[in-house]
């Protein structure tokens, strides 16, 4: 089995409304040396993407969130390209 590798200089964006899960994922990935950006909802994540104009290396996305769910986030992200 080949281990998964990624460019650690590109941030990982975690979009999760459960604060405990968000913090757990952030800590685990930071321990491994990844640059982490967090958002507690999809609108905050879209705002970060628009402000930075940078694609993260990976997005961990909660699909079931209030206000805007994961599918709506994906549609909005794709429409803004």
Protein backbone atom coordinates (compact mmCIF):
# COMPACT_ATOMS: atom_id res chain seq x y z
CA UNK A 1 0.00 0.00 0.00
CA UNK A 2 1.35 3.42 -0.94
CA UNK A 3 1.08 6.08 1.78
CA UNK A 4 -0.91 9.19 0.92
CA UNK A 5 1.14 12.35 0.58
CA UNK A 6 0.13 15.94 0.05
CA UNK A 7 1.86 19.26 -0.27
CA UNK A 8 1.89 20.41 3.36
CA UNK A 9 2.35 24.06 2.38
CA UNK A 10 -1.23 24.27 1.10
CA UNK A 11 -3.67 24.54 4.00
CA UNK A 12 -6.36 22.04 4.88
CA UNK A 13 -9.74 23.69 5.36
CA UNK A 14 -12.00 22.08 7.97
CA UNK A 15 -15.66 23.15 7.80
CA UNK A 16 -17.50 21.75 10.82
CA UNK A 17 -20.19 23.21 13.08
CA UNK A 18 -19.46 20.79 15.95
CA UNK A 19 -16.74 22.64 17.88
CA UNK A 20 -15.41 19.51 19.63
CA UNK A 21 -14.98 17.63 16.36
CA UNK A 22 -13.49 20.70 14.68
CA UNK A 23 -10.89 21.08 17.45
CA UNK A 24 -10.08 17.35 17.43
CA UNK A 25 -9.47 17.27 13.66
CA UNK A 26 -7.43 20.47 13.82
CA UNK A 27 -5.18 19.15 16.61
CA UNK A 28 -4.63 15.78 14.97
CA UNK A 29 -3.65 17.33 11.66
CA UNK A 30 -1.47 20.03 13.23
CA UNK A 31 0.46 17.31 15.11
CA UNK A 32 1.24 15.80 11.70
CA UNK A 33 2.59 19.15 10.50
CA UNK A 34 -0.29 20.35 8.34
CA UNK A 35 -1.33 23.99 8.05
CA UNK A 36 -4.98 24.12 9.15
CA UNK A 37 -7.72 26.67 8.55
CA UNK A 38 -11.06 26.21 10.28
CA UNK A 39 -14.57 27.50 9.67
CA UNK A 40 -17.59 26.82 11.86
CA UNK A 41 -20.01 27.12 8.95
CA UNK A 42 -20.10 27.08 5.17
CA UNK A 43 -20.52 30.84 4.76
CA UNK A 44 -17.40 31.47 6.82
CA UNK A 45 -15.50 28.97 4.66
CA UNK A 46 -16.69 30.61 1.44
CA UNK A 47 -15.60 33.97 2.84
CA UNK A 48 -12.12 32.61 3.57
CA UNK A 49 -11.86 31.17 0.05
CA UNK A 50 -12.94 34.48 -1.49
CA UNK A 51 -10.56 36.55 0.68
CA UNK A 52 -7.51 34.35 0.15
CA UNK A 53 -8.11 33.48 -3.50
CA UNK A 54 -6.28 30.26 -2.71
CA UNK A 55 -7.44 26.67 -3.05
CA UNK A 56 -6.74 24.54 0.01
CA UNK A 57 -4.97 21.23 -0.46
CA UNK A 58 -7.98 19.45 1.07
CA UNK A 59 -11.40 20.37 2.44
CA UNK A 60 -12.98 18.39 5.28
CA UNK A 61 -16.64 19.31 4.88
CA UNK A 62 -19.55 18.61 7.22
CA UNK A 63 -22.48 17.83 4.93
CA UNK A 64 -25.18 18.51 7.54
CA UNK A 65 -24.93 22.08 8.85
CA UNK A 66 -27.51 24.75 9.62
CA UNK A 67 -27.83 27.80 7.36
CA UNK A 68 -25.96 26.25 4.42
CA UNK A 69 -25.30 22.52 4.14
CA UNK A 70 -22.31 20.89 2.49
CA UNK A 71 -24.00 20.43 -0.88
CA UNK A 72 -24.96 24.11 -1.02
CA UNK A 73 -21.34 24.96 -0.13
CA UNK A 74 -20.04 22.87 -3.02
CA UNK A 75 -22.51 24.47 -5.46
CA UNK A 76 -21.60 27.98 -4.27
CA UNK A 77 -17.88 27.23 -4.43
CA UNK A 78 -18.16 25.89 -7.98
CA UNK A 79 -20.33 28.82 -9.09
CA UNK A 80 -17.74 31.32 -7.86
CA UNK A 81 -14.97 29.92 -10.11
